[in-house]
Amino acid sequence: MPQMFIFGLGYTAKRIAQALSNAGWSVEATGSDGTIAFDDEPAVLSALAASSHVVSSVPPSDGSDPVLDRYGAALGDKWLGYLSSTGVYGDWQGAWVDEATPTGGGRRTARSDCDARWLEMGARVFRLPGIYGPGRSAFERIREGKAHRIDLPGQVFSRVHVDDIVSGVVAAVETHAPPGAYNLADDLPTGQNAVIEEACRLLGVEPPPLQTMDEADLSPMARGFYAENRRVANAKAKRVLGWQPEYPTFQKGLVAIKARE
């Protein structure tokens, strides 16, 4: 039985673990819902020794990568996967970026550094834009009164449904994909306002008013989100992994989430 070890069993990694388990894999993981505590070094090293594949979804901490810092020496002969961010590309003023685009010039320098370290280890680095899915979508923000429409003409983001991340990672495992970076994003980069408006339409409510950044009183993290503007190309993942997003547009993704509810 093939065995996967996952560092950080969060929102996305839980679904990766479930998909692999359904396919007959043995899966062990760290995280709040995992089987092993991250700091239990003997147990982690024992599980790693028995695992052929490793995926990390652990973000940078204090500017460095906790997994590589502590367990990097035990990963050398494994199939490696790392869930990174398209934030490594920085701001491109709405232009398209792909895996050949330079990284490290944006606000997420720690993530860029970790991304580069995993690539040096021979990992498949999955660069992810805004992640949404059941329990984590525009619907929740609207219901909680936290949705905004910001008056920023020309502002564009990419996003990806969590199920499409899962299928991309599983495809990389099953096809023995070569190491390197892979953008997993949908086919329709668009402004956040369009997403909020579509979600409001599906809920049968009026969209929030259009506001300036100052009027919206956004958190520093949210302001940073709006400070970057890019479209993320996904052609390499389609070509090399044979991957196709089940939800190529935010409209299809939102309709599917609403139907599940």
C-alpha atoms as a PDB file:
ATOM      1  CA  MET A   1       0.000   0.000   0.000  1.00  0.00           C
ATOM      2  CA  PRO A   2       1.497   3.385  -0.973  1.00  0.00           C
ATOM      3  CA  GLN A   3       1.941   5.779   1.938  1.00  0.00           C
ATOM      4  CA  MET A   4       1.646   9.559   2.011  1.00  0.00           C
ATOM      5  CA  PHE A   5       2.800  11.812   4.826  1.00  0.00           C
ATOM      6  CA  ILE A   6       1.215  15.265   4.999  1.00  0.00           C
ATOM      7  CA  PHE A   7       2.604  18.140   7.015  1.00  0.00           C
ATOM      8  CA  GLY A   8      -0.243  20.432   8.061  1.00  0.00           C
ATOM      9  CA  LEU A   9      -3.702  18.903   7.753  1.00  0.00           C
ATOM     10  CA  GLY A  10      -5.650  22.090   7.057  1.00  0.00           C
ATOM     11  CA  TYR A  11      -8.617  23.018   4.857  1.00  0.00           C
ATOM     12  CA  THR A  12      -7.046  21.874   1.578  1.00  0.00           C
ATOM     13  CA  ALA A  13      -4.750  19.115   2.832  1.00  0.00           C
ATOM     14  CA  LYS A  14      -7.642  17.333   4.572  1.00  0.00           C
ATOM     15  CA  ARG A  15      -9.289  16.916   1.199  1.00  0.00           C
ATOM     16  CA  ILE A  16      -6.073  15.697  -0.391  1.00  0.00           C
ATOM     17  CA  ALA A  17      -5.739  13.141   2.395  1.00  0.00           C
ATOM     18  CA  GLN A  18      -9.320  11.974   1.920  1.00  0.00           C
ATOM     19  CA  ALA A  19      -8.910  11.597  -1.854  1.00  0.00           C
ATOM     20  CA  LEU A  20      -5.747   9.548  -1.452  1.00  0.00           C
ATOM     21  CA  SER A  21      -7.307   7.432   1.296  1.00  0.00           C
ATOM     22  CA  ASN A  22     -10.277   6.735  -0.977  1.00  0.00           C
ATOM     23  CA  ALA A  23      -7.802   5.629  -3.648  1.00  0.00           C
ATOM     24  CA  GLY A  24      -6.222   3.082  -1.321  1.00  0.00           C
ATOM     25  CA  TRP A  25      -3.357   5.072   0.149  1.00  0.00           C
ATOM     26  CA  SER A  26      -2.247   4.986   3.761  1.00  0.00           C
ATOM     27  CA  VAL A  27      -2.074   8.585   4.974  1.00  0.00           C
ATOM     28  CA  GLU A  28      -0.482  10.002   8.107  1.00  0.00           C
ATOM     29  CA  ALA A  29      -0.318  13.693   8.921  1.00  0.00           C
ATOM     30  CA  THR A  30       0.527  16.415  11.358  1.00  0.00           C
ATOM     31  CA  GLY A  31      -1.915  19.174  12.243  1.00  0.00           C
ATOM     32  CA  SER A  32      -4.846  19.702  14.573  1.00  0.00           C
ATOM     33  CA  ASP A  33      -6.716  16.777  12.990  1.00  0.00           C
ATOM     34  CA  GLY A  34      -3.618  14.790  12.094  1.00  0.00           C
ATOM     35  CA  THR A  35      -2.339  11.519  13.503  1.00  0.00           C
ATOM     36  CA  ILE A  36       1.045  12.832  14.733  1.00  0.00           C
ATOM     37  CA  ALA A  37       2.130  16.000  16.516  1.00  0.00           C
ATOM     38  CA  PHE A  38       4.597  18.078  14.497  1.00  0.00           C
ATOM     39  CA  ASP A  39       6.944  18.301  17.486  1.00  0.00           C
ATOM     40  CA  ASP A  40       6.934  14.533  18.114  1.00  0.00           C
ATOM     41  CA  GLU A  41      10.168  14.091  16.203  1.00  0.00           C
ATOM     42  CA  PRO A  42      10.617  10.318  16.715  1.00  0.00           C
ATOM     43  CA  ALA A  43       7.066   9.629  15.499  1.00  0.00           C
ATOM     44  CA  VAL A  44       7.404  11.979  12.532  1.00  0.00           C
ATOM     45  CA  LEU A  45      10.747  10.491  11.475  1.00  0.00           C
ATOM     46  CA  SER A  46       9.361   6.971  11.798  1.00  0.00           C
ATOM     47  CA  ALA A  47       6.347   7.841   9.632  1.00  0.00           C
ATOM     48  CA  LEU A  48       8.562   9.578   7.083  1.00  0.00           C
ATOM     49  CA  ALA A  49      10.803   6.530   6.844  1.00  0.00           C
ATOM     50  CA  ALA A  50       7.757   4.444   5.935  1.00  0.00           C
ATOM     51  CA  SER A  51       6.385   6.974   3.420  1.00  0.00           C
ATOM     52  CA  SER A  52       7.188   7.198  -0.266  1.00  0.00           C
ATOM     53  CA  HIS A  53       5.424  10.539  -0.751  1.00  0.00           C
ATOM     54  CA  VAL A  54       5.315  13.761   1.272  1.00  0.00           C
ATOM     55  CA  VAL A  55       3.163  16.863   0.865  1.00  0.00           C
ATOM     56  CA  SER A  56       3.566  20.016   2.953  1.00  0.00           C
ATOM     57  CA  SER A  57       0.909  22.677   3.349  1.00  0.00           C
ATOM     58  CA  VAL A  58       2.735  24.388   6.235  1.00  0.00           C
ATOM     59  CA  PRO A  59       3.206  28.130   5.578  1.00  0.00           C
ATOM     60  CA  PRO A  60       6.345  30.090   6.438  1.00  0.00           C
ATOM     61  CA  SER A  61       6.947  30.925  10.090  1.00  0.00           C
ATOM     62  CA  ASP A  62       9.303  33.682  11.207  1.00  0.00           C
ATOM     63  CA  GLY A  63      10.465  34.002   7.625  1.00  0.00           C
ATOM     64  CA  SER A  64      11.477  30.377   7.187  1.00  0.00           C
ATOM     65  CA  ASP A  65      10.012  26.945   6.467  1.00  0.00           C
ATOM     66  CA  PRO A  66       9.365  24.900   9.636  1.00  0.00           C
ATOM     67  CA  VAL A  67       9.215  21.587   7.789  1.00  0.00           C
ATOM     68  CA  LEU A  68      12.482  21.979   5.891  1.00  0.00           C
ATOM     69  CA  ASP A  69      14.233  23.470   8.903  1.00  0.00           C
ATOM     70  CA  ARG A  70      13.360  20.521  11.126  1.00  0.00           C
ATOM     71  CA  TYR A  71      12.824  17.547   8.838  1.00  0.00           C
ATOM     72  CA  GLY A  72      14.485  18.470   5.556  1.00  0.00           C
ATOM     73  CA  ALA A  73      17.261  15.935   6.003  1.00  0.00           C
ATOM     74  CA  ALA A  74      14.679  13.111   6.107  1.00  0.00           C
ATOM     75  CA  LEU A  75      13.033  14.090   2.810  1.00  0.00           C
ATOM     76  CA  GLY A  76      15.820  13.522   0.309  1.00  0.00           C
ATOM     77  CA  ASP A  77      14.557  10.310  -1.312  1.00  0.00           C
ATOM     78  CA  LYS A  78      10.818  11.082  -1.234  1.00  0.00           C
ATOM     79  CA  TRP A  79       8.328  12.275  -3.814  1.00  0.00           C
ATOM     80  CA  LEU A  80       7.753  15.830  -2.568  1.00  0.00           C
ATOM     81  CA  GLY A  81       4.843  18.205  -2.978  1.00  0.00           C
ATOM     82  CA  TYR A  82       4.470  21.722  -1.544  1.00  0.00           C
ATOM     83  CA  LEU A  83       1.389  23.938  -1.472  1.00  0.00           C
ATOM     84  CA  SER A  84       2.694  27.405  -2.246  1.00  0.00           C
ATOM     85  CA  SER A  85       1.009  30.646  -3.346  1.00  0.00           C
ATOM     86  CA  THR A  86       0.771  32.680  -6.526  1.00  0.00           C
ATOM     87  CA  GLY A  87       1.627  35.584  -4.243  1.00  0.00           C
ATOM     88  CA  VAL A  88       5.257  34.709  -5.010  1.00  0.00           C
ATOM     89  CA  TYR A  89       4.806  36.514  -8.352  1.00  0.00           C
ATOM     90  CA  GLY A  90       3.977  39.884  -6.809  1.00  0.00           C
ATOM     91  CA  ASP A  91       2.127  42.623  -8.681  1.00  0.00           C
ATOM     92  CA  TRP A  92       2.008  42.506 -12.484  1.00  0.00           C
ATOM     93  CA  GLN A  93      -0.622  45.217 -13.004  1.00  0.00           C
ATOM     94  CA  GLY A  94      -3.154  42.781 -14.397  1.00  0.00           C
ATOM     95  CA  ALA A  95      -0.773  40.949 -16.759  1.00  0.00           C
ATOM     96  CA  TRP A  96      -0.617  37.181 -17.077  1.00  0.00           C
ATOM     97  CA  VAL A  97       1.969  35.245 -15.076  1.00  0.00           C
ATOM     98  CA  ASP A  98       3.115  31.664 -15.548  1.00  0.00           C
ATOM     99  CA  GLU A  99       5.698  29.374 -13.989  1.00  0.00           C
ATOM    100  CA  ALA A 100       8.520  31.122 -15.889  1.00  0.00           C
ATOM    101  CA  THR A 101       7.621  34.496 -14.370  1.00  0.00           C
ATOM    102  CA  PRO A 102      10.240  35.754 -11.871  1.00  0.00           C
ATOM    103  CA  THR A 103       9.302  35.360  -8.217  1.00  0.00           C
ATOM    104  CA  GLY A 104      10.351  37.113  -5.046  1.00  0.00           C
ATOM    105  CA  GLY A 105       9.472  40.670  -6.021  1.00  0.00           C
ATOM    106  CA  GLY A 106       6.181  40.917  -4.151  1.00  0.00           C
ATOM    107  CA  ARG A 107       5.125  41.401  -0.557  1.00  0.00           C
ATOM    108  CA  ARG A 108       5.348  37.674   0.230  1.00  0.00           C
ATOM    109  CA  THR A 109       9.126  37.315   0.306  1.00  0.00           C
ATOM    110  CA  ALA A 110       9.092  34.582   2.960  1.00  0.00           C
ATOM    111  CA  ARG A 111       6.747  32.488   0.848  1.00  0.00           C
ATOM    112  CA  SER A 112       8.959  33.062  -2.189  1.00  0.00           C
ATOM    113  CA  ASP A 113      12.011  31.916  -0.249  1.00  0.00           C
ATOM    114  CA  CYS A 114      10.243  28.737   0.916  1.00  0.00           C
ATOM    115  CA  ASP A 115       8.928  28.125  -2.596  1.00  0.00           C
ATOM    116  CA  ALA A 116      12.501  28.282  -3.909  1.00  0.00           C
ATOM    117  CA  ARG A 117      13.813  25.962  -1.192  1.00  0.00           C
ATOM    118  CA  TRP A 118      11.238  23.291  -2.032  1.00  0.00           C
ATOM    119  CA  LEU A 119      12.086  23.570  -5.724  1.00  0.00           C
ATOM    120  CA  GLU A 120      15.748  23.052  -4.836  1.00  0.00           C
ATOM    121  CA  MET A 121      14.674  19.887  -2.978  1.00  0.00           C
ATOM    122  CA  GLY A 122      13.106  18.557  -6.182  1.00  0.00           C
ATOM    123  CA  ALA A 123       9.491  19.113  -5.133  1.00  0.00           C
ATOM    124  CA  ARG A 124       6.372  19.648  -7.198  1.00  0.00           C
ATOM    125  CA  VAL A 125       5.429  23.140  -6.024  1.00  0.00           C
ATOM    126  CA  PHE A 126       1.747  23.910  -6.474  1.00  0.00           C
ATOM    127  CA  ARG A 127       1.258  27.675  -6.647  1.00  0.00           C
ATOM    128  CA  LEU A 128      -2.269  28.491  -5.555  1.00  0.00           C
ATOM    129  CA  PRO A 129      -4.291  31.708  -5.917  1.00  0.00           C
ATOM    130  CA  GLY A 130      -7.304  32.529  -3.729  1.00  0.00           C
ATOM    131  CA  ILE A 131      -8.738  29.235  -2.463  1.00  0.00           C
ATOM    132  CA  TYR A 132     -12.498  28.846  -2.086  1.00  0.00           C
ATOM    133  CA  GLY A 133     -14.871  25.973  -1.533  1.00  0.00           C
ATOM    134  CA  PRO A 134     -17.574  24.663   0.818  1.00  0.00           C
ATOM    135  CA  GLY A 135     -17.478  26.600   4.071  1.00  0.00           C
ATOM    136  CA  ARG A 136     -14.970  29.089   2.670  1.00  0.00           C
ATOM    137  CA  SER A 137     -16.508  31.187  -0.054  1.00  0.00           C
ATOM    138  CA  ALA A 138     -18.185  34.492  -0.814  1.00  0.00           C
ATOM    139  CA  PHE A 139     -21.402  33.080   0.653  1.00  0.00           C
ATOM    140  CA  GLU A 140     -19.951  33.037   4.168  1.00  0.00           C
ATOM    141  CA  ARG A 141     -18.653  36.605   3.882  1.00  0.00           C
ATOM    142  CA  ILE A 142     -22.011  37.854   2.638  1.00  0.00           C
ATOM    143  CA  ARG A 143     -23.972  36.095   5.391  1.00  0.00           C
ATOM    144  CA  GLU A 144     -21.585  37.427   8.031  1.00  0.00           C
ATOM    145  CA  GLY A 145     -21.806  40.971   6.692  1.00  0.00           C
ATOM    146  CA  LYS A 146     -18.100  40.967   5.806  1.00  0.00           C
ATOM    147  CA  ALA A 147     -18.351  41.107   2.013  1.00  0.00           C
ATOM    148  CA  HIS A 148     -17.040  44.191   0.234  1.00  0.00           C
ATOM    149  CA  ARG A 149     -17.168  45.646  -3.235  1.00  0.00           C
ATOM    150  CA  ILE A 150     -14.127  47.867  -3.685  1.00  0.00           C
ATOM    151  CA  ASP A 151     -13.997  50.563  -6.340  1.00  0.00           C
ATOM    152  CA  LEU A 152     -10.761  49.556  -8.064  1.00  0.00           C
ATOM    153  CA  PRO A 153     -11.341  49.466 -11.847  1.00  0.00           C
ATOM    154  CA  GLY A 154      -9.109  46.969 -13.610  1.00  0.00           C
ATOM    155  CA  GLN A 155      -8.280  45.000 -10.457  1.00  0.00           C
ATOM    156  CA  VAL A 156      -8.126  41.285 -11.292  1.00  0.00           C
ATOM    157  CA  PHE A 157      -7.480  38.139  -9.262  1.00  0.00           C
ATOM    158  CA  SER A 158      -7.266  34.440  -9.970  1.00  0.00           C
ATOM    159  CA  ARG A 159      -8.843  31.816  -7.743  1.00  0.00           C
ATOM    160  CA  VAL A 160      -9.236  28.054  -7.521  1.00  0.00           C
ATOM    161  CA  HIS A 161     -11.842  25.719  -6.063  1.00  0.00           C
ATOM    162  CA  VAL A 162     -10.405  23.453  -3.381  1.00  0.00           C
ATOM    163  CA  ASP A 163     -11.553  20.330  -5.241  1.00  0.00           C
ATOM    164  CA  ASP A 164      -9.462  21.401  -8.235  1.00  0.00           C
ATOM    165  CA  ILE A 165      -6.377  21.693  -6.043  1.00  0.00           C
ATOM    166  CA  VAL A 166      -7.007  18.147  -4.870  1.00  0.00           C
ATOM    167  CA  SER A 167      -7.363  16.816  -8.398  1.00  0.00           C
ATOM    168  CA  GLY A 168      -4.208  18.651  -9.459  1.00  0.00           C
ATOM    169  CA  VAL A 169      -2.109  17.224  -6.637  1.00  0.00           C
ATOM    170  CA  VAL A 170      -3.513  13.724  -7.174  1.00  0.00           C
ATOM    171  CA  ALA A 171      -2.795  14.015 -10.901  1.00  0.00           C
ATOM    172  CA  ALA A 172       0.810  14.957 -10.141  1.00  0.00           C
ATOM    173  CA  VAL A 173       1.147  11.900  -7.921  1.00  0.00           C
ATOM    174  CA  GLU A 174      -0.479   9.496 -10.355  1.00  0.00           C
ATOM    175  CA  THR A 175       1.357  10.730 -13.452  1.00  0.00           C
ATOM    176  CA  HIS A 176       4.755  10.813 -11.720  1.00  0.00           C
ATOM    177  CA  ALA A 177       4.979  14.455 -12.717  1.00  0.00           C
ATOM    178  CA  PRO A 178       8.472  15.911 -12.965  1.00  0.00           C
ATOM    179  CA  PRO A 179       9.622  18.289 -10.235  1.00  0.00           C
ATOM    180  CA  GLY A 180       8.917  21.963 -10.761  1.00  0.00           C
ATOM    181  CA  ALA A 181       6.295  24.639 -10.269  1.00  0.00           C
ATOM    182  CA  TYR A 182       2.661  24.205 -11.301  1.00  0.00           C
ATOM    183  CA  ASN A 183       0.009  26.917 -11.191  1.00  0.00           C
ATOM    184  CA  LEU A 184      -3.376  25.494 -10.188  1.00  0.00           C
ATOM    185  CA  ALA A 185      -5.875  28.239 -11.015  1.00  0.00           C
ATOM    186  CA  ASP A 186      -9.201  28.435 -12.791  1.00  0.00           C
ATOM    187  CA  ASP A 187      -9.654  29.698 -16.358  1.00  0.00           C
ATOM    188  CA  LEU A 188     -11.337  33.021 -15.558  1.00  0.00           C
ATOM    189  CA  PRO A 189      -9.378  35.633 -13.608  1.00  0.00           C
ATOM    190  CA  THR A 190     -11.759  38.404 -12.641  1.00  0.00           C
ATOM    191  CA  GLY A 191     -12.348  41.193 -10.162  1.00  0.00           C
ATOM    192  CA  GLN A 192     -13.560  40.295  -6.686  1.00  0.00           C
ATOM    193  CA  ASN A 193     -16.645  42.481  -7.181  1.00  0.00           C
ATOM    194  CA  ALA A 194     -17.967  40.120  -9.859  1.00  0.00           C
ATOM    195  CA  VAL A 195     -17.647  37.174  -7.471  1.00  0.00           C
ATOM    196  CA  ILE A 196     -19.516  38.984  -4.690  1.00  0.00           C
ATOM    197  CA  GLU A 197     -22.239  40.092  -7.092  1.00  0.00           C
ATOM    198  CA  GLU A 198     -22.751  36.556  -8.423  1.00  0.00           C
ATOM    199  CA  ALA A 199     -22.876  35.098  -4.918  1.00  0.00           C
ATOM    200  CA  CYS A 200     -25.447  37.715  -3.906  1.00  0.00           C
ATOM    201  CA  ARG A 201     -27.521  36.861  -6.971  1.00  0.00           C
ATOM    202  CA  LEU A 202     -27.493  33.177  -6.031  1.00  0.00           C
ATOM    203  CA  LEU A 203     -28.510  34.058  -2.462  1.00  0.00           C
ATOM    204  CA  GLY A 204     -31.219  36.450  -3.634  1.00  0.00           C
ATOM    205  CA  VAL A 205     -29.812  39.440  -1.734  1.00  0.00           C
ATOM    206  CA  GLU A 206     -28.627  42.900  -2.721  1.00  0.00           C
ATOM    207  CA  PRO A 207     -24.861  43.256  -3.137  1.00  0.00           C
ATOM    208  CA  PRO A 208     -22.988  45.493  -0.681  1.00  0.00           C
ATOM    209  CA  PRO A 209     -22.377  49.093  -1.733  1.00  0.00           C
ATOM    210  CA  LEU A 210     -19.370  50.054  -3.805  1.00  0.00           C
ATOM    211  CA  GLN A 211     -16.726  51.554  -1.508  1.00  0.00           C
ATOM    212  CA  THR A 212     -13.256  53.005  -1.584  1.00  0.00           C
ATOM    213  CA  MET A 213     -10.464  51.179   0.233  1.00  0.00           C
ATOM    214  CA  ASP A 214     -10.642  53.691   3.077  1.00  0.00           C
ATOM    215  CA  GLU A 215     -14.421  53.431   3.400  1.00  0.00           C
ATOM    216  CA  ALA A 216     -14.224  49.635   3.570  1.00  0.00           C
ATOM    217  CA  ASP A 217     -11.821  49.845   6.544  1.00  0.00           C
ATOM    218  CA  LEU A 218      -9.981  46.720   5.420  1.00  0.00           C
ATOM    219  CA  SER A 219      -7.440  44.879   7.534  1.00  0.00           C
ATOM    220  CA  PRO A 220      -3.758  45.198   6.583  1.00  0.00           C
ATOM    221  CA  MET A 221      -3.908  41.651   5.196  1.00  0.00           C
ATOM    222  CA  ALA A 222      -6.895  42.492   2.998  1.00  0.00           C
ATOM    223  CA  ARG A 223      -5.244  45.700   1.822  1.00  0.00           C
ATOM    224  CA  GLY A 224      -2.223  43.657   0.822  1.00  0.00           C
ATOM    225  CA  PHE A 225      -4.511  41.372  -1.156  1.00  0.00           C
ATOM    226  CA  TYR A 226      -5.789  44.336  -3.177  1.00  0.00           C
ATOM    227  CA  ALA A 227      -2.281  45.745  -3.628  1.00  0.00           C
ATOM    228  CA  GLU A 228      -1.453  43.084  -6.214  1.00  0.00           C
ATOM    229  CA  ASN A 229      -3.061  42.629  -9.610  1.00  0.00           C
ATOM    230  CA  ARG A 230      -2.354  39.663 -11.888  1.00  0.00           C
ATOM    231  CA  ARG A 231      -3.835  36.878 -13.975  1.00  0.00           C
ATOM    232  CA  VAL A 232      -2.493  33.364 -13.359  1.00  0.00           C
ATOM    233  CA  ALA A 233      -2.012  31.031 -16.329  1.00  0.00           C
ATOM    234  CA  ASN A 234      -2.629  27.306 -15.812  1.00  0.00           C
ATOM    235  CA  ALA A 235      -1.521  25.851 -19.168  1.00  0.00           C
ATOM    236  CA  LYS A 236       1.483  23.962 -17.769  1.00  0.00           C
ATOM    237  CA  ALA A 237      -0.623  22.011 -15.263  1.00  0.00           C
ATOM    238  CA  LYS A 238      -3.051  21.098 -18.014  1.00  0.00           C
ATOM    239  CA  ARG A 239      -0.312  20.052 -20.395  1.00  0.00           C
ATOM    240  CA  VAL A 240       2.024  18.183 -18.027  1.00  0.00           C
ATOM    241  CA  LEU A 241      -0.423  16.784 -15.465  1.00  0.00           C
ATOM    242  CA  GLY A 242      -3.369  16.215 -17.797  1.00  0.00           C
ATOM    243  CA  TRP A 243      -5.334  18.318 -15.293  1.00  0.00           C
ATOM    244  CA  GLN A 244      -8.581  20.076 -16.086  1.00  0.00           C
ATOM    245  CA  PRO A 245     -10.406  22.135 -13.443  1.00  0.00           C
ATOM    246  CA  GLU A 246     -13.868  20.851 -12.696  1.00  0.00           C
ATOM    247  CA  TYR A 247     -14.781  24.448 -11.887  1.00  0.00           C
ATOM    248  CA  PRO A 248     -13.103  26.522 -14.623  1.00  0.00           C
ATOM    249  CA  THR A 249     -15.077  29.646 -13.677  1.00  0.00           C
ATOM    250  CA  PHE A 250     -16.118  31.164 -10.375  1.00  0.00           C
ATOM    251  CA  GLN A 251     -19.751  30.983 -11.512  1.00  0.00           C
ATOM    252  CA  LYS A 252     -19.603  27.185 -11.804  1.00  0.00           C
ATOM    253  CA  GLY A 253     -17.796  26.904  -8.500  1.00  0.00           C
ATOM    254  CA  LEU A 254     -20.338  29.035  -6.644  1.00  0.00           C
ATOM    255  CA  VAL A 255     -23.288  27.165  -8.166  1.00  0.00           C
ATOM    256  CA  ALA A 256     -21.779  23.840  -7.037  1.00  0.00           C
ATOM    257  CA  ILE A 257     -21.215  25.128  -3.477  1.00  0.00           C
ATOM    258  CA  LYS A 258     -24.770  26.455  -3.299  1.00  0.00           C
ATOM    259  CA  ALA A 259     -26.144  23.134  -4.549  1.00  0.00           C
ATOM    260  CA  ARG A 260     -24.269  21.250  -1.827  1.00  0.00           C
ATOM    261  CA  GLU A 261     -25.801  23.478   0.817  1.00  0.00           C
END
